[in-house]
Protein backbone atom coordinates (compact mmCIF):
# COMPACT_ATOMS: atom_id res chain seq x y z
CA MET A 1 -80.72 24.16 -16.30
CA ILE A 2 -83.28 24.84 -13.60
CA GLY A 3 -86.37 22.69 -13.20
CA VAL A 4 -87.95 19.78 -11.46
CA MET A 5 -85.98 16.75 -12.62
CA ALA A 6 -88.65 14.31 -11.50
CA THR A 7 -91.25 15.74 -13.87
CA ARG A 8 -89.16 16.02 -17.02
CA LYS A 9 -86.54 13.83 -18.63
CA LEU A 10 -83.48 15.95 -19.39
CA PRO A 11 -82.34 16.05 -23.05
CA TYR A 12 -79.05 14.25 -22.43
CA PRO A 13 -78.11 10.62 -23.09
CA ALA A 14 -77.30 8.15 -20.31
CA ARG A 15 -73.96 8.52 -18.49
CA ALA A 16 -73.66 12.10 -19.62
CA PHE A 17 -72.10 13.64 -16.51
CA ASP A 18 -69.45 12.80 -13.94
CA MET A 19 -71.24 14.68 -11.14
CA ALA A 20 -74.77 15.89 -10.49
CA HIS A 21 -75.66 18.55 -7.90
CA CYS A 22 -79.18 18.55 -6.53
CA SER A 23 -80.59 21.55 -4.67
CA ARG A 24 -84.11 22.25 -3.39
CA CYS A 25 -86.42 19.46 -4.57
CA LEU A 26 -89.70 21.42 -4.88
CA ILE A 27 -91.67 18.17 -4.54
CA PRO A 28 -93.58 17.54 -1.26
CA TRP A 29 -91.84 14.77 0.64
CA TYR A 30 -95.11 13.13 1.53
CA LYS A 31 -95.77 12.38 -2.16
CA GLU A 32 -94.51 8.99 -3.30
CA MET A 33 -92.23 9.51 -6.30
CA GLU A 34 -92.21 7.24 -9.30
CA VAL A 35 -89.08 6.44 -11.29
CA CYS A 36 -87.97 9.83 -12.60
CA ILE A 37 -84.97 8.95 -14.75
CA THR A 38 -84.19 6.26 -17.29
CA PRO A 39 -82.15 3.57 -15.48
CA LEU A 40 -78.74 2.44 -16.69
CA PRO A 41 -78.39 -1.06 -18.17
CA ARG A 42 -78.52 -3.82 -15.53
CA VAL A 43 -75.28 -5.48 -14.43
CA GLY A 44 -74.69 -9.08 -13.46
CA ARG A 45 -71.89 -8.56 -10.92
CA ARG A 46 -71.23 -5.99 -8.20
CA ASP A 47 -67.92 -4.96 -9.81
CA GLU A 48 -69.47 -4.47 -13.25
CA VAL A 49 -69.99 -0.95 -14.65
CA ALA A 50 -73.38 -0.19 -16.16
CA GLY A 51 -73.02 0.74 -19.80
CA GLY A 52 -69.39 -0.37 -20.05
CA GLU A 53 -66.00 0.62 -18.65
CA VAL A 54 -64.32 3.82 -19.87
CA GLN A 55 -60.62 4.59 -19.60
CA ARG A 56 -59.02 7.47 -17.75
CA TRP A 57 -58.21 10.76 -19.41
CA PRO A 58 -56.54 11.39 -21.84
CA GLU A 59 -56.54 7.77 -23.13
CA ARG A 60 -60.33 7.92 -22.93
CA ALA A 61 -60.43 10.44 -25.79
CA PHE A 62 -59.02 7.92 -28.27
CA ALA A 63 -60.23 4.59 -26.89
CA VAL A 64 -63.18 2.96 -28.67
CA PRO A 65 -66.28 3.93 -26.61
CA PRO A 66 -68.41 1.17 -25.05
CA ARG A 67 -71.41 2.13 -27.17
CA ILE A 68 -69.43 1.20 -30.27
CA THR A 69 -67.71 -1.93 -28.96
CA GLU A 70 -71.05 -3.25 -27.71
CA GLY A 71 -72.79 -2.46 -30.99
CA THR A 72 -75.54 -0.31 -29.51
CA ILE A 73 -75.32 2.18 -32.41
CA PRO A 74 -76.21 0.37 -35.68
CA GLY A 75 -73.67 0.82 -38.45
CA LEU A 76 -70.83 2.09 -36.27
CA THR A 77 -67.83 -0.19 -35.75
CA SER A 78 -64.44 0.08 -34.10
CA MET A 79 -62.85 0.30 -37.55
CA LYS A 80 -65.01 3.27 -38.53
CA PHE A 81 -64.13 4.94 -35.23
CA GLU A 82 -60.39 4.51 -35.83
CA ASP A 83 -60.74 5.71 -39.42
CA ASP A 84 -62.56 8.83 -38.23
CA ASN A 85 -59.73 9.57 -35.80
CA ARG A 86 -57.16 9.28 -38.60
CA VAL A 87 -59.19 11.53 -40.88
CA TRP A 88 -59.46 14.28 -38.26
CA LYS A 89 -55.81 14.09 -37.33
CA GLU A 90 -54.98 14.73 -40.98
CA ARG A 91 -57.53 17.53 -41.24
CA VAL A 92 -56.30 19.38 -38.15
CA GLU A 93 -52.72 19.24 -39.41
CA HIS A 94 -53.94 20.81 -42.63
CA TYR A 95 -55.97 23.44 -40.78
CA LYS A 96 -52.88 24.53 -38.89
CA HIS A 97 -51.22 25.34 -42.21
CA ILE A 98 -54.12 27.27 -43.72
CA ILE A 99 -55.13 28.99 -40.45
CA PRO A 100 -51.92 30.03 -38.66
CA ALA A 101 -53.85 31.38 -35.67
CA LEU A 102 -54.84 27.81 -34.77
CA SER A 103 -51.25 26.65 -34.36
CA GLN A 104 -50.38 29.91 -32.58
CA ALA A 105 -52.89 29.15 -29.79
CA ARG A 106 -54.92 32.29 -30.55
CA TYR A 107 -58.21 30.41 -30.40
CA ARG A 108 -59.77 29.21 -27.15
CA ASN A 109 -63.41 28.34 -27.81
CA VAL A 110 -64.29 26.09 -30.74
CA MET A 111 -67.64 24.74 -31.90
CA ASP A 112 -68.03 21.64 -34.07
CA MET A 113 -71.45 22.14 -35.63
CA ASN A 114 -71.79 18.54 -36.81
CA ALA A 115 -69.55 16.59 -34.46
CA TYR A 116 -70.46 12.99 -35.43
CA LEU A 117 -68.01 10.95 -33.26
CA GLY A 118 -66.11 13.91 -31.80
CA GLY A 119 -63.03 13.35 -33.95
CA PHE A 120 -62.36 17.06 -34.36
CA ALA A 121 -62.30 17.58 -30.60
CA ALA A 122 -60.03 14.55 -30.16
CA ALA A 123 -57.57 15.86 -32.72
CA LEU A 124 -57.40 19.13 -30.75
CA VAL A 125 -56.76 17.50 -27.37
CA LYS A 126 -53.17 18.75 -27.20
CA HIS A 127 -54.20 22.28 -28.13
CA PRO A 128 -55.32 24.78 -25.45
CA VAL A 129 -58.88 24.92 -26.78
CA TRP A 130 -62.36 24.12 -25.45
CA VAL A 131 -64.56 22.33 -27.99
CA MET A 132 -68.36 22.34 -27.90
CA ASN A 133 -69.70 19.41 -29.93
CA THR A 134 -73.19 19.61 -31.43
CA VAL A 135 -75.12 16.70 -32.92
CA PRO A 136 -78.24 17.26 -35.07
CA PRO A 137 -81.15 15.37 -33.48
CA ASP A 138 -82.26 14.09 -36.89
CA SER A 139 -78.84 12.71 -37.91
CA ASP A 140 -78.51 9.14 -39.17
CA HIS A 141 -76.70 8.09 -35.98
CA ASP A 142 -77.31 9.35 -32.46
CA THR A 143 -73.66 9.79 -31.50
CA LEU A 144 -73.89 12.27 -28.63
CA GLY A 145 -73.45 9.42 -26.14
CA VAL A 146 -70.21 8.43 -27.89
CA ILE A 147 -68.93 11.98 -27.49
CA TYR A 148 -69.66 11.91 -23.77
CA GLU A 149 -67.98 8.53 -23.35
CA ARG A 150 -64.87 10.00 -24.94
CA GLY A 151 -64.79 12.62 -22.18
CA PHE A 152 -66.02 15.54 -24.31
CA ILE A 153 -69.02 17.80 -23.90
CA GLY A 154 -71.81 18.27 -26.38
CA ALA A 155 -75.48 18.92 -27.03
CA TYR A 156 -78.21 18.30 -29.54
CA HIS A 157 -78.85 21.22 -31.87
CA ASP A 158 -80.85 21.46 -35.08
CA TRP A 159 -79.41 23.91 -37.60
CA CYS A 160 -81.82 25.53 -40.09
CA ASP A 161 -81.41 27.17 -43.48
CA ILE A 162 -77.83 27.98 -44.51
CA VAL A 163 -78.40 31.74 -44.34
CA TYR A 164 -79.65 31.51 -40.76
CA ILE A 165 -76.73 29.24 -39.88
CA LEU A 166 -74.27 31.86 -41.09
CA LEU A 167 -76.09 34.62 -39.24
CA GLU A 168 -75.92 32.62 -36.04
CA MET A 169 -72.23 31.89 -36.63
CA ASP A 170 -71.63 35.60 -37.12
CA ARG A 171 -73.43 36.26 -33.83
CA ILE A 172 -71.38 33.84 -31.75
CA LEU A 173 -68.02 34.50 -33.39
CA ARG A 174 -65.63 37.06 -32.00
CA PRO A 175 -63.97 39.49 -34.43
CA GLU A 176 -61.10 37.71 -36.20
CA GLY A 177 -62.74 34.39 -35.40
CA ALA A 178 -62.53 31.77 -38.13
CA VAL A 179 -65.08 29.56 -39.84
CA ILE A 180 -64.32 26.32 -41.68
CA ILE A 181 -67.00 24.83 -43.93
CA ARG A 182 -66.53 21.66 -45.98
CA ASP A 183 -68.78 20.90 -48.97
CA THR A 184 -68.93 20.90 -52.76
CA VAL A 185 -67.92 23.96 -54.75
CA ASP A 186 -71.55 24.77 -55.64
CA VAL A 187 -72.60 24.93 -52.00
CA LEU A 188 -69.51 26.81 -50.87
CA ALA A 189 -69.98 29.39 -53.62
CA LYS A 190 -73.44 30.18 -52.23
CA VAL A 191 -72.01 30.38 -48.74
CA GLN A 192 -69.31 32.74 -49.91
CA VAL A 193 -71.89 35.16 -51.33
CA VAL A 194 -73.52 35.45 -47.90
CA ALA A 195 -70.14 35.60 -46.15
CA ASP A 196 -69.08 38.52 -48.32
CA ARG A 197 -72.28 40.39 -47.44
CA MET A 198 -71.43 39.96 -43.77
CA ARG A 199 -67.96 41.42 -44.48
CA TRP A 200 -66.15 38.17 -43.78
CA ASN A 201 -62.85 37.55 -45.53
CA SER A 202 -63.36 34.19 -47.20
CA LYS A 203 -61.49 31.85 -49.51
CA ILE A 204 -62.32 28.47 -51.07
CA MET A 205 -59.45 25.99 -50.98
CA ASP A 206 -58.74 22.48 -52.21
CA HIS A 207 -59.25 19.40 -50.07
CA GLU A 208 -56.25 18.45 -47.92
CA ARG A 209 -55.67 15.43 -50.16
CA GLY A 210 -55.50 17.41 -53.37
CA PRO A 211 -57.52 19.25 -56.03
CA PHE A 212 -59.14 16.14 -57.47
CA ILE A 213 -61.32 15.56 -54.39
CA PRO A 214 -64.85 16.99 -54.97
CA GLU A 215 -65.15 18.24 -51.41
CA LYS A 216 -63.58 21.67 -50.92
CA ILE A 217 -62.88 23.85 -47.88
CA LEU A 218 -64.11 27.38 -47.28
CA VAL A 219 -62.16 29.34 -44.69
CA ALA A 220 -63.61 32.65 -43.55
CA VAL A 221 -62.53 35.17 -40.94
CA LYS A 222 -64.96 37.55 -39.29
CA THR A 223 -63.74 41.11 -39.57
CA TYR A 224 -64.22 43.93 -37.11
CA TRP A 225 -66.32 46.75 -38.53
CA THR A 226 -68.74 49.41 -37.33
CA SER A 227 -71.67 51.26 -38.87
CA ALA A 228 -69.37 54.23 -39.44
CA ASP A 229 -67.12 52.05 -41.59
CA ALA A 230 -70.13 50.94 -43.65
CA SER A 231 -71.24 54.55 -44.19
CA THR A 232 -67.78 55.52 -45.39
CA GLN A 233 -67.74 52.72 -47.94
CA GLU A 234 -71.10 53.81 -49.31
């Protein structure tokens, strides 16, 4: 991101980065600058860490973040954080069975399009993948700061209509890349119609805990095709 940091507040929460590099300032040095960034919480002692202490990697990925232990995000507790970790550990184990390429280390770049607490990224820590976490800016809880405190990367992103979401997913996916969508059968059936039009190979499967759970899983794989292939089919 290029710009004058003193004139605009960057769209990241506090304590987002481990290092910041500043180049040419572009502001005349004779001009007295006002406070240009939101300050961290005040500390009472010299050895205190503003915002709370975080552990070293990789323990940091699973430790309860300071924002949760200090109650700065209403409705989120340490118990909910631990439950979310357990849920995603179970889900990833299931994904490795229904998507063999995941356990075969064929995937490198992964995007969690509604990351919440970053549980998906945490469950993939031992896998050789890079996870980009996105948090909708209008979500019930602003959890991007939690994701950063866990040592992961992320950004705010607002997804639009489901058709446009799928088109964007098709744009950023490589051929043979996979998509996992969790929702009710009615929603997934509509998604599958669009996925078929984009020549994805898709299948709706039961929840990892069994067929009696209303939430289902759609797994789709982007195929490689060209305009010549489409002409032949017609």
